[in-house]
Amino acid sequence: MPYVRQKFIEILEKAMEDGEKMTREEMLFTYDGVVYPTALCSPEQFKALESFEARSDDVILAGYCKSGTNWVGQIVTDLVVTSAKKHEPEKLNEINDERLKGIEL
């Protein structure tokens, strides 16, 4: 099983285990007037986003649901990997581990 898929499964399994130990009230939190599930995010993550600064080499892919975001994300990943193979082969494992990070709002 690919590393990224295995990591995703581990994260989901941990979230489900943690959720079984929580009361209904603990499963949700409110940040800036919006309710979020504690299994997927935390107030600390949102506070960190307030001071987020993009780097010059960051790529931000934004889109609506069902608009081909995963498809375009795979193309971006393929471009990064192809470039790394040519210019920085020692970073390939690091790139494959990172893949695309998703923030869904």
PDB file of N, CA and C in Angstrom:
ATOM      1  N   MET A   1       0.851  -1.174   0.000  1.00  0.00           N
ATOM      2  CA  MET A   1       0.000   0.000   0.000  1.00  0.00           C
ATOM      3  C   MET A   1       0.899   1.241   0.000  1.00  0.00           C
ATOM      4  N   PRO A   2       0.628   2.213  -0.855  1.00  0.00           N
ATOM      5  CA  PRO A   2       1.446   3.427  -0.901  1.00  0.00           C
ATOM      6  C   PRO A   2       1.480   4.126   0.459  1.00  0.00           C
ATOM      7  N   TYR A   3       2.622   4.758   0.734  1.00  0.00           N
ATOM      8  CA  TYR A   3       2.832   5.421   2.022  1.00  0.00           C
ATOM      9  C   TYR A   3       1.749   6.454   2.324  1.00  0.00           C
ATOM     10  N   VAL A   4       1.412   7.283   1.348  1.00  0.00           N
ATOM     11  CA  VAL A   4       0.437   8.354   1.575  1.00  0.00           C
ATOM     12  C   VAL A   4      -0.915   7.769   1.959  1.00  0.00           C
ATOM     13  N   ARG A   5      -1.331   6.717   1.274  1.00  0.00           N
ATOM     14  CA  ARG A   5      -2.617   6.085   1.588  1.00  0.00           C
ATOM     15  C   ARG A   5      -2.596   5.483   2.991  1.00  0.00           C
ATOM     16  N   GLN A   6      -1.501   4.820   3.344  1.00  0.00           N
ATOM     17  CA  GLN A   6      -1.374   4.222   4.673  1.00  0.00           C
ATOM     18  C   GLN A   6      -1.421   5.302   5.749  1.00  0.00           C
ATOM     19  N   LYS A   7      -0.736   6.404   5.524  1.00  0.00           N
ATOM     20  CA  LYS A   7      -0.724   7.513   6.486  1.00  0.00           C
ATOM     21  C   LYS A   7      -2.134   8.071   6.663  1.00  0.00           C
ATOM     22  N   PHE A   8      -2.867   8.225   5.572  1.00  0.00           N
ATOM     23  CA  PHE A   8      -4.241   8.729   5.622  1.00  0.00           C
ATOM     24  C   PHE A   8      -5.125   7.794   6.443  1.00  0.00           C
ATOM     25  N   ILE A   9      -4.980   6.499   6.227  1.00  0.00           N
ATOM     26  CA  ILE A   9      -5.768   5.511   6.972  1.00  0.00           C
ATOM     27  C   ILE A   9      -5.439   5.584   8.459  1.00  0.00           C
ATOM     28  N   GLU A  10      -4.158   5.734   8.793  1.00  0.00           N
ATOM     29  CA  GLU A  10      -3.760   5.848  10.196  1.00  0.00           C
ATOM     30  C   GLU A  10      -4.382   7.081  10.853  1.00  0.00           C
ATOM     31  N   ILE A  11      -4.404   8.189  10.138  1.00  0.00           N
ATOM     32  CA  ILE A  11      -4.994   9.417  10.678  1.00  0.00           C
ATOM     33  C   ILE A  11      -6.487   9.221  10.920  1.00  0.00           C
ATOM     34  N   LEU A  12      -7.180   8.614   9.970  1.00  0.00           N
ATOM     35  CA  LEU A  12      -8.614   8.365  10.136  1.00  0.00           C
ATOM     36  C   LEU A  12      -8.893   7.414  11.291  1.00  0.00           C
ATOM     37  N   GLU A  13      -8.106   6.355  11.408  1.00  0.00           N
ATOM     38  CA  GLU A  13      -8.308   5.400  12.499  1.00  0.00           C
ATOM     39  C   GLU A  13      -8.081   6.058  13.853  1.00  0.00           C
ATOM     40  N   LYS A  14      -7.063   6.915  13.951  1.00  0.00           N
ATOM     41  CA  LYS A  14      -6.803   7.621  15.206  1.00  0.00           C
ATOM     42  C   LYS A  14      -7.956   8.562  15.533  1.00  0.00           C
ATOM     43  N   ALA A  15      -8.471   9.273  14.535  1.00  0.00           N
ATOM     44  CA  ALA A  15      -9.599  10.179  14.757  1.00  0.00           C
ATOM     45  C   ALA A  15     -10.821   9.410  15.240  1.00  0.00           C
ATOM     46  N   MET A  16     -11.056   8.230  14.683  1.00  0.00           N
ATOM     47  CA  MET A  16     -12.204   7.424  15.099  1.00  0.00           C
ATOM     48  C   MET A  16     -12.016   6.903  16.526  1.00  0.00           C
ATOM     49  N   GLU A  17     -10.807   6.467  16.868  1.00  0.00           N
ATOM     50  CA  GLU A  17     -10.532   6.011  18.229  1.00  0.00           C
ATOM     51  C   GLU A  17     -10.716   7.147  19.232  1.00  0.00           C
ATOM     52  N   ASP A  18     -10.182   8.318  18.901  1.00  0.00           N
ATOM     53  CA  ASP A  18     -10.327   9.476  19.785  1.00  0.00           C
ATOM     54  C   ASP A  18     -11.793   9.858  19.939  1.00  0.00           C
ATOM     55  N   GLY A  19     -12.548   9.773  18.852  1.00  0.00           N
ATOM     56  CA  GLY A  19     -13.966  10.123  18.884  1.00  0.00           C
ATOM     57  C   GLY A  19     -14.785   9.221  19.784  1.00  0.00           C
ATOM     58  N   GLU A  20     -14.395   7.958  19.876  1.00  0.00           N
ATOM     59  CA  GLU A  20     -15.122   7.024  20.734  1.00  0.00           C
ATOM     60  C   GLU A  20     -14.973   7.367  22.212  1.00  0.00           C
ATOM     61  N   LYS A  21     -13.907   8.061  22.574  1.00  0.00           N
ATOM     62  CA  LYS A  21     -13.645   8.426  23.965  1.00  0.00           C
ATOM     63  C   LYS A  21     -14.277   9.764  24.349  1.00  0.00           C
ATOM     64  N   MET A  22     -14.822  10.494  23.379  1.00  0.00           N
ATOM     65  CA  MET A  22     -15.349  11.843  23.621  1.00  0.00           C
ATOM     66  C   MET A  22     -16.849  11.835  23.843  1.00  0.00           C
ATOM     67  N   THR A  23     -17.290  12.829  24.611  1.00  0.00           N
ATOM     68  CA  THR A  23     -18.727  13.062  24.731  1.00  0.00           C
ATOM     69  C   THR A  23     -19.167  13.816  23.484  1.00  0.00           C
ATOM     70  N   ARG A  24     -20.466  13.908  23.267  1.00  0.00           N
ATOM     71  CA  ARG A  24     -20.968  14.630  22.083  1.00  0.00           C
ATOM     72  C   ARG A  24     -20.511  16.087  22.089  1.00  0.00           C
ATOM     73  N   GLU A  25     -20.461  16.695  23.268  1.00  0.00           N
ATOM     74  CA  GLU A  25     -20.056  18.098  23.363  1.00  0.00           C
ATOM     75  C   GLU A  25     -18.580  18.288  22.999  1.00  0.00           C
ATOM     76  N   GLU A  26     -17.753  17.292  23.299  1.00  0.00           N
ATOM     77  CA  GLU A  26     -16.323  17.386  23.014  1.00  0.00           C
ATOM     78  C   GLU A  26     -16.000  17.160  21.539  1.00  0.00           C
ATOM     79  N   MET A  27     -16.928  16.630  20.779  1.00  0.00           N
ATOM     80  CA  MET A  27     -16.673  16.313  19.372  1.00  0.00           C
ATOM     81  C   MET A  27     -16.693  17.537  18.464  1.00  0.00           C
ATOM     82  N   LEU A  28     -17.215  18.651  18.967  1.00  0.00           N
ATOM     83  CA  LEU A  28     -17.306  19.873  18.169  1.00  0.00           C
ATOM     84  C   LEU A  28     -16.724  21.045  18.944  1.00  0.00           C
ATOM     85  N   PHE A  29     -16.217  22.024  18.222  1.00  0.00           N
ATOM     86  CA  PHE A  29     -15.801  23.279  18.840  1.00  0.00           C
ATOM     87  C   PHE A  29     -16.183  24.418  17.907  1.00  0.00           C
ATOM     88  N   THR A  30     -16.283  25.597  18.471  1.00  0.00           N
ATOM     89  CA  THR A  30     -16.651  26.774  17.690  1.00  0.00           C
ATOM     90  C   THR A  30     -15.444  27.695  17.600  1.00  0.00           C
ATOM     91  N   TYR A  31     -15.142  28.119  16.397  1.00  0.00           N
ATOM     92  CA  TYR A  31     -14.057  29.071  16.184  1.00  0.00           C
ATOM     93  C   TYR A  31     -14.579  30.181  15.290  1.00  0.00           C
ATOM     94  N   ASP A  32     -14.517  31.376  15.778  1.00  0.00           N
ATOM     95  CA  ASP A  32     -14.970  32.550  15.024  1.00  0.00           C
ATOM     96  C   ASP A  32     -16.415  32.384  14.550  1.00  0.00           C
ATOM     97  N   GLY A  33     -17.242  31.774  15.411  1.00  0.00           N
ATOM     98  CA  GLY A  33     -18.662  31.634  15.118  1.00  0.00           C
ATOM     99  C   GLY A  33     -19.042  30.465  14.229  1.00  0.00           C
ATOM    100  N   VAL A  34     -18.078  29.618  13.867  1.00  0.00           N
ATOM    101  CA  VAL A  34     -18.345  28.471  12.999  1.00  0.00           C
ATOM    102  C   VAL A  34     -18.023  27.186  13.768  1.00  0.00           C
ATOM    103  N   VAL A  35     -18.883  26.170  13.629  1.00  0.00           N
ATOM    104  CA  VAL A  35     -18.698  24.901  14.327  1.00  0.00           C
ATOM    105  C   VAL A  35     -17.832  23.962  13.477  1.00  0.00           C
ATOM    106  N   TYR A  36     -16.836  23.325  14.130  1.00  0.00           N
ATOM    107  CA  TYR A  36     -15.922  22.402  13.461  1.00  0.00           C
ATOM    108  C   TYR A  36     -15.812  21.098  14.248  1.00  0.00           C
ATOM    109  N   PRO A  37     -15.504  19.982  13.578  1.00  0.00           N
ATOM    110  CA  PRO A  37     -15.296  18.709  14.291  1.00  0.00           C
ATOM    111  C   PRO A  37     -13.886  18.653  14.886  1.00  0.00           C
ATOM    112  N   THR A  38     -13.787  18.276  16.157  1.00  0.00           N
ATOM    113  CA  THR A  38     -12.476  18.200  16.806  1.00  0.00           C
ATOM    114  C   THR A  38     -11.622  17.066  16.260  1.00  0.00           C
ATOM    115  N   ALA A  39     -12.227  16.062  15.657  1.00  0.00           N
ATOM    116  CA  ALA A  39     -11.455  14.936  15.124  1.00  0.00           C
ATOM    117  C   ALA A  39     -10.615  15.340  13.916  1.00  0.00           C
ATOM    118  N   LEU A  40     -10.996  16.394  13.219  1.00  0.00           N
ATOM    119  CA  LEU A  40     -10.301  16.785  11.992  1.00  0.00           C
ATOM    120  C   LEU A  40      -9.457  18.041  12.120  1.00  0.00           C
ATOM    121  N   CYS A  41      -9.752  18.880  13.103  1.00  0.00           N
ATOM    122  CA  CYS A  41      -9.009  20.123  13.250  1.00  0.00           C
ATOM    123  C   CYS A  41      -9.110  20.598  14.696  1.00  0.00           C
ATOM    124  N   SER A  42      -8.356  21.638  15.014  1.00  0.00           N
ATOM    125  CA  SER A  42      -8.353  22.150  16.380  1.00  0.00           C
ATOM    126  C   SER A  42      -8.298  23.672  16.356  1.00  0.00           C
ATOM    127  N   PRO A  43      -8.670  24.309  17.461  1.00  0.00           N
ATOM    128  CA  PRO A  43      -8.564  25.772  17.520  1.00  0.00           C
ATOM    129  C   PRO A  43      -7.125  26.243  17.293  1.00  0.00           C
ATOM    130  N   GLU A  44      -6.158  25.443  17.742  1.00  0.00           N
ATOM    131  CA  GLU A  44      -4.751  25.813  17.563  1.00  0.00           C
ATOM    132  C   GLU A  44      -4.379  25.910  16.081  1.00  0.00           C
ATOM    133  N   GLN A  45      -4.929  25.013  15.275  1.00  0.00           N
ATOM    134  CA  GLN A  45      -4.647  25.056  13.837  1.00  0.00           C
ATOM    135  C   GLN A  45      -5.184  26.342  13.214  1.00  0.00           C
ATOM    136  N   PHE A  46      -6.361  26.766  13.641  1.00  0.00           N
ATOM    137  CA  PHE A  46      -6.928  28.002  13.099  1.00  0.00           C
ATOM    138  C   PHE A  46      -6.146  29.219  13.577  1.00  0.00           C
ATOM    139  N   LYS A  47      -5.681  29.194  14.827  1.00  0.00           N
ATOM    140  CA  LYS A  47      -4.862  30.302  15.328  1.00  0.00           C
ATOM    141  C   LYS A  47      -3.549  30.380  14.556  1.00  0.00           C
ATOM    142  N   ALA A  48      -2.979  29.226  14.231  1.00  0.00           N
ATOM    143  CA  ALA A  48      -1.735  29.204  13.453  1.00  0.00           C
ATOM    144  C   ALA A  48      -1.956  29.777  12.057  1.00  0.00           C
ATOM    145  N   LEU A  49      -3.127  29.546  11.490  1.00  0.00           N
ATOM    146  CA  LEU A  49      -3.422  30.076  10.152  1.00  0.00           C
ATOM    147  C   LEU A  49      -3.446  31.599  10.132  1.00  0.00           C
ATOM    148  N   GLU A  50      -3.760  32.214  11.274  1.00  0.00           N
ATOM    149  CA  GLU A  50      -3.811  33.676  11.330  1.00  0.00           C
ATOM    150  C   GLU A  50      -2.442  34.294  11.061  1.00  0.00           C
ATOM    151  N   SER A  51      -1.378  33.592  11.419  1.00  0.00           N
ATOM    152  CA  SER A  51      -0.029  34.119  11.201  1.00  0.00           C
ATOM    153  C   SER A  51       0.671  33.434  10.022  1.00  0.00           C
ATOM    154  N   PHE A  52      -0.087  32.697   9.225  1.00  0.00           N
ATOM    155  CA  PHE A  52       0.479  31.982   8.080  1.00  0.00           C
ATOM    156  C   PHE A  52       1.030  32.961   7.055  1.00  0.00           C
ATOM    157  N   GLU A  53       2.237  32.688   6.590  1.00  0.00           N
ATOM    158  CA  GLU A  53       2.833  33.475   5.516  1.00  0.00           C
ATOM    159  C   GLU A  53       3.284  32.515   4.419  1.00  0.00           C
ATOM    160  N   ALA A  54       2.792  32.733   3.231  1.00  0.00           N
ATOM    161  CA  ALA A  54       3.163  31.877   2.100  1.00  0.00           C
ATOM    162  C   ALA A  54       4.609  32.157   1.701  1.00  0.00           C
ATOM    163  N   ARG A  55       5.290  31.105   1.274  1.00  0.00           N
ATOM    164  CA  ARG A  55       6.656  31.245   0.769  1.00  0.00           C
ATOM    165  C   ARG A  55       6.590  31.464  -0.744  1.00  0.00           C
ATOM    166  N   SER A  56       7.682  31.883  -1.302  1.00  0.00           N
ATOM    167  CA  SER A  56       7.701  32.144  -2.744  1.00  0.00           C
ATOM    168  C   SER A  56       7.552  30.862  -3.565  1.00  0.00           C
ATOM    169  N   ASP A  57       7.871  29.702  -2.975  1.00  0.00           N
ATOM    170  CA  ASP A  57       7.752  28.450  -3.729  1.00  0.00           C
ATOM    171  C   ASP A  57       6.481  27.667  -3.394  1.00  0.00           C
ATOM    172  N   ASP A  58       5.582  28.237  -2.599  1.00  0.00           N
ATOM    173  CA  ASP A  58       4.311  27.576  -2.290  1.00  0.00           C
ATOM    174  C   ASP A  58       3.378  27.619  -3.493  1.00  0.00           C
ATOM    175  N   VAL A  59       2.603  26.564  -3.639  1.00  0.00           N
ATOM    176  CA  VAL A  59       1.588  26.501  -4.685  1.00  0.00           C
ATOM    177  C   VAL A  59       0.249  26.322  -3.991  1.00  0.00           C
ATOM    178  N   ILE A  60      -0.688  27.205  -4.257  1.00  0.00           N
ATOM    179  CA  ILE A  60      -2.015  27.109  -3.659  1.00  0.00           C
ATOM    180  C   ILE A  60      -3.002  26.771  -4.760  1.00  0.00           C
ATOM    181  N   LEU A  61      -3.706  25.689  -4.553  1.00  0.00           N
ATOM    182  CA  LEU A  61      -4.699  25.213  -5.504  1.00  0.00           C
ATOM    183  C   LEU A  61      -6.058  25.383  -4.841  1.00  0.00           C
ATOM    184  N   ALA A  62      -6.900  26.215  -5.399  1.00  0.00           N
ATOM    185  CA  ALA A  62      -8.215  26.470  -4.811  1.00  0.00           C
ATOM    186  C   ALA A  62      -9.292  26.170  -5.839  1.00  0.00           C
ATOM    187  N   GLY A  63     -10.393  25.608  -5.358  1.00  0.00           N
ATOM    188  CA  GLY A  63     -11.478  25.293  -6.277  1.00  0.00           C
ATOM    189  C   GLY A  63     -12.727  24.881  -5.542  1.00  0.00           C
ATOM    190  N   TYR A  64     -13.793  24.750  -6.270  1.00  0.00           N
ATOM    191  CA  TYR A  64     -15.067  24.311  -5.716  1.00  0.00           C
ATOM    192  C   TYR A  64     -15.142  22.788  -5.741  1.00  0.00           C
ATOM    193  N   CYS A  65     -16.005  22.256  -4.913  1.00  0.00           N
ATOM    194  CA  CYS A  65     -16.221  20.807  -4.902  1.00  0.00           C
ATOM    195  C   CYS A  65     -16.624  20.330  -6.296  1.00  0.00           C
ATOM    196  N   LYS A  66     -16.143  19.162  -6.650  1.00  0.00           N
ATOM    197  CA  LYS A  66     -16.478  18.519  -7.922  1.00  0.00           C
ATOM    198  C   LYS A  66     -16.028  19.329  -9.136  1.00  0.00           C
ATOM    199  N   SER A  67     -15.005  20.179  -8.954  1.00  0.00           N
ATOM    200  CA  SER A  67     -14.536  20.986 -10.083  1.00  0.00           C
ATOM    201  C   SER A  67     -13.203  20.480 -10.643  1.00  0.00           C
ATOM    202  N   GLY A  68     -12.775  19.294 -10.215  1.00  0.00           N
ATOM    203  CA  GLY A  68     -11.536  18.733 -10.728  1.00  0.00           C
ATOM    204  C   GLY A  68     -10.320  19.048  -9.881  1.00  0.00           C
ATOM    205  N   THR A  69     -10.522  19.420  -8.618  1.00  0.00           N
ATOM    206  CA  THR A  69      -9.409  19.779  -7.745  1.00  0.00           C
ATOM    207  C   THR A  69      -8.423  18.627  -7.587  1.00  0.00           C
ATOM    208  N   ASN A  70      -8.912  17.415  -7.380  1.00  0.00           N
ATOM    209  CA  ASN A  70      -8.011  16.262  -7.226  1.00  0.00           C
ATOM    210  C   ASN A  70      -7.212  16.012  -8.502  1.00  0.00           C
ATOM    211  N   TRP A  71      -7.853  16.152  -9.631  1.00  0.00           N
ATOM    212  CA  TRP A  71      -7.197  15.949 -10.917  1.00  0.00           C
ATOM    213  C   TRP A  71      -6.074  16.971 -11.100  1.00  0.00           C
ATOM    214  N   VAL A  72      -6.381  18.239 -10.860  1.00  0.00           N
ATOM    215  CA  VAL A  72      -5.369  19.284 -11.002  1.00  0.00           C
ATOM    216  C   VAL A  72      -4.269  19.091  -9.961  1.00  0.00           C
ATOM    217  N   GLY A  73      -4.649  18.676  -8.745  1.00  0.00           N
ATOM    218  CA  GLY A  73      -3.658  18.407  -7.705  1.00  0.00           C
ATOM    219  C   GLY A  73      -2.681  17.328  -8.111  1.00  0.00           C
ATOM    220  N   GLN A  74      -3.168  16.300  -8.763  1.00  0.00           N
ATOM    221  CA  GLN A  74      -2.287  15.224  -9.233  1.00  0.00           C
ATOM    222  C   GLN A  74      -1.341  15.743 -10.311  1.00  0.00           C
ATOM    223  N   ILE A  75      -1.838  16.600 -11.179  1.00  0.00           N
ATOM    224  CA  ILE A  75      -0.982  17.189 -12.217  1.00  0.00           C
ATOM    225  C   ILE A  75       0.115  18.033 -11.573  1.00  0.00           C
ATOM    226  N   VAL A  76      -0.245  18.838 -10.574  1.00  0.00           N
ATOM    227  CA  VAL A  76       0.753  19.658  -9.876  1.00  0.00           C
ATOM    228  C   VAL A  76       1.798  18.758  -9.218  1.00  0.00           C
ATOM    229  N   THR A  77       1.344  17.699  -8.551  1.00  0.00           N
ATOM    230  CA  THR A  77       2.276  16.758  -7.920  1.00  0.00           C
ATOM    231  C   THR A  77       3.201  16.131  -8.957  1.00  0.00           C
ATOM    232  N   ASP A  78       2.657  15.716 -10.083  1.00  0.00           N
ATOM    233  CA  ASP A  78       3.474  15.126 -11.146  1.00  0.00           C
ATOM    234  C   ASP A  78       4.523  16.114 -11.659  1.00  0.00           C
ATOM    235  N   LEU A  79       4.141  17.378 -11.793  1.00  0.00           N
ATOM    236  CA  LEU A  79       5.092  18.396 -12.246  1.00  0.00           C
ATOM    237  C   LEU A  79       6.222  18.583 -11.239  1.00  0.00           C
ATOM    238  N   VAL A  80       5.874  18.620  -9.960  1.00  0.00           N
ATOM    239  CA  VAL A  80       6.886  18.788  -8.911  1.00  0.00           C
ATOM    240  C   VAL A  80       7.842  17.599  -8.898  1.00  0.00           C
ATOM    241  N   VAL A  81       7.295  16.391  -8.982  1.00  0.00           N
ATOM    242  CA  VAL A  81       8.130  15.181  -8.971  1.00  0.00           C
ATOM    243  C   VAL A  81       9.032  15.140 -10.200  1.00  0.00           C
ATOM    244  N   THR A  82       8.501  15.470 -11.357  1.00  0.00           N
ATOM    245  CA  THR A  82       9.301  15.476 -12.587  1.00  0.00           C
ATOM    246  C   THR A  82      10.441  16.481 -12.485  1.00  0.00           C
ATOM    247  N   SER A  83      10.148  17.655 -11.952  1.00  0.00           N
ATOM    248  CA  SER A  83      11.179  18.674 -11.772  1.00  0.00           C
ATOM    249  C   SER A  83      12.238  18.204 -10.783  1.00  0.00           C
ATOM    250  N   ALA A  84      11.800  17.572  -9.691  1.00  0.00           N
ATOM    251  CA  ALA A  84      12.752  17.085  -8.684  1.00  0.00           C
ATOM    252  C   ALA A  84      13.653  15.997  -9.252  1.00  0.00           C
ATOM    253  N   LYS A  85      13.093  15.116 -10.082  1.00  0.00           N
ATOM    254  CA  LYS A  85      13.910  14.056 -10.696  1.00  0.00           C
ATOM    255  C   LYS A  85      15.049  14.658 -11.516  1.00  0.00           C
ATOM    256  N   LYS A  86      14.759  15.776 -12.155  1.00  0.00           N
ATOM    257  CA  LYS A  86      15.752  16.403 -13.020  1.00  0.00           C
ATOM    258  C   LYS A  86      16.738  17.267 -12.229  1.00  0.00           C
ATOM    259  N   HIS A  87      16.229  18.015 -11.235  1.00  0.00           N
ATOM    260  CA  HIS A  87      17.065  19.009 -10.561  1.00  0.00           C
ATOM    261  C   HIS A  87      17.486  18.625  -9.139  1.00  0.00           C
ATOM    262  N   GLU A  88      16.633  17.895  -8.403  1.00  0.00           N
ATOM    263  CA  GLU A  88      16.938  17.573  -7.007  1.00  0.00           C
ATOM    264  C   GLU A  88      16.484  16.152  -6.664  1.00  0.00           C
ATOM    265  N   PRO A  89      17.104  15.137  -7.231  1.00  0.00           N
ATOM    266  CA  PRO A  89      16.642  13.760  -7.004  1.00  0.00           C
ATOM    267  C   PRO A  89      16.680  13.333  -5.539  1.00  0.00           C
ATOM    268  N   GLU A  90      17.548  13.944  -4.737  1.00  0.00           N
ATOM    269  CA  GLU A  90      17.638  13.569  -3.326  1.00  0.00           C
ATOM    270  C   GLU A  90      16.395  13.984  -2.529  1.00  0.00           C
ATOM    271  N   LYS A  91      15.566  14.853  -3.071  1.00  0.00           N
ATOM    272  CA  LYS A  91      14.367  15.316  -2.372  1.00  0.00           C
ATOM    273  C   LYS A  91      13.106  14.539  -2.751  1.00  0.00           C
ATOM    274  N   LEU A  92      13.220  13.528  -3.591  1.00  0.00           N
ATOM    275  CA  LEU A  92      12.037  12.796  -4.059  1.00  0.00           C
ATOM    276  C   LEU A  92      11.229  12.186  -2.924  1.00  0.00           C
ATOM    277  N   ASN A  93      11.878  11.527  -1.963  1.00  0.00           N
ATOM    278  CA  ASN A  93      11.137  10.922  -0.852  1.00  0.00           C
ATOM    279  C   ASN A  93      10.405  11.974  -0.040  1.00  0.00           C
ATOM    280  N   GLU A  94      11.056  13.095   0.180  1.00  0.00           N
ATOM    281  CA  GLU A  94      10.439  14.191   0.925  1.00  0.00           C
ATOM    282  C   GLU A  94       9.192  14.702   0.200  1.00  0.00           C
ATOM    283  N   ILE A  95       9.274  14.843  -1.096  1.00  0.00           N
ATOM    284  CA  ILE A  95       8.138  15.318  -1.893  1.00  0.00           C
ATOM    285  C   ILE A  95       7.000  14.309  -1.850  1.00  0.00           C
ATOM    286  N   ASN A  96       7.320  13.034  -2.021  1.00  0.00           N
ATOM    287  CA  ASN A  96       6.282  12.008  -2.004  1.00  0.00           C
ATOM    288  C   ASN A  96       5.589  11.919  -0.656  1.00  0.00           C
ATOM    289  N   ASP A  97       6.315  12.174   0.433  1.00  0.00           N
ATOM    290  CA  ASP A  97       5.711  12.142   1.761  1.00  0.00           C
ATOM    291  C   ASP A  97       4.768  13.321   1.974  1.00  0.00           C
ATOM    292  N   GLU A  98       5.107  14.466   1.409  1.00  0.00           N
ATOM    293  CA  GLU A  98       4.306  15.662   1.636  1.00  0.00           C
ATOM    294  C   GLU A  98       3.022  15.659   0.817  1.00  0.00           C
ATOM    295  N   ARG A  99       3.138  15.383  -0.463  1.00  0.00           N
ATOM    296  CA  ARG A  99       1.997  15.459  -1.383  1.00  0.00           C
ATOM    297  C   ARG A  99       1.263  16.783  -1.187  1.00  0.00           C
ATOM    298  N   LEU A 100      -0.026  16.760  -1.429  1.00  0.00           N
ATOM    299  CA  LEU A 100      -0.821  17.972  -1.270  1.00  0.00           C
ATOM    300  C   LEU A 100      -1.496  17.972   0.091  1.00  0.00           C
ATOM    301  N   LYS A 101      -1.407  19.073   0.769  1.00  0.00           N
ATOM    302  CA  LYS A 101      -2.110  19.236   2.034  1.00  0.00           C
ATOM    303  C   LYS A 101      -3.435  19.921   1.725  1.00  0.00           C
ATOM    304  N   GLY A 102      -4.487  19.410   2.269  1.00  0.00           N
ATOM    305  CA  GLY A 102      -5.802  19.979   2.001  1.00  0.00           C
ATOM    306  C   GLY A 102      -6.352  20.762   3.171  1.00  0.00           C
ATOM    307  N   ILE A 103      -6.938  21.880   2.882  1.00  0.00           N
ATOM    308  CA  ILE A 103      -7.689  22.648   3.869  1.00  0.00           C
ATOM    309  C   ILE A 103      -9.071  22.835   3.276  1.00  0.00           C
ATOM    310  N   GLU A 104     -10.052  22.224   3.877  1.00  0.00           N
ATOM    311  CA  GLU A 104     -11.412  22.345   3.370  1.00  0.00           C
ATOM    312  C   GLU A 104     -12.194  23.277   4.271  1.00  0.00           C
ATOM    313  N   LEU A 105     -12.831  24.233   3.660  1.00  0.00           N
ATOM    314  CA  LEU A 105     -13.637  25.196   4.416  1.00  0.00           C
ATOM    315  C   LEU A 105     -15.085  25.102   4.019  1.00  0.00           C
TER     316      LEU A 105
END
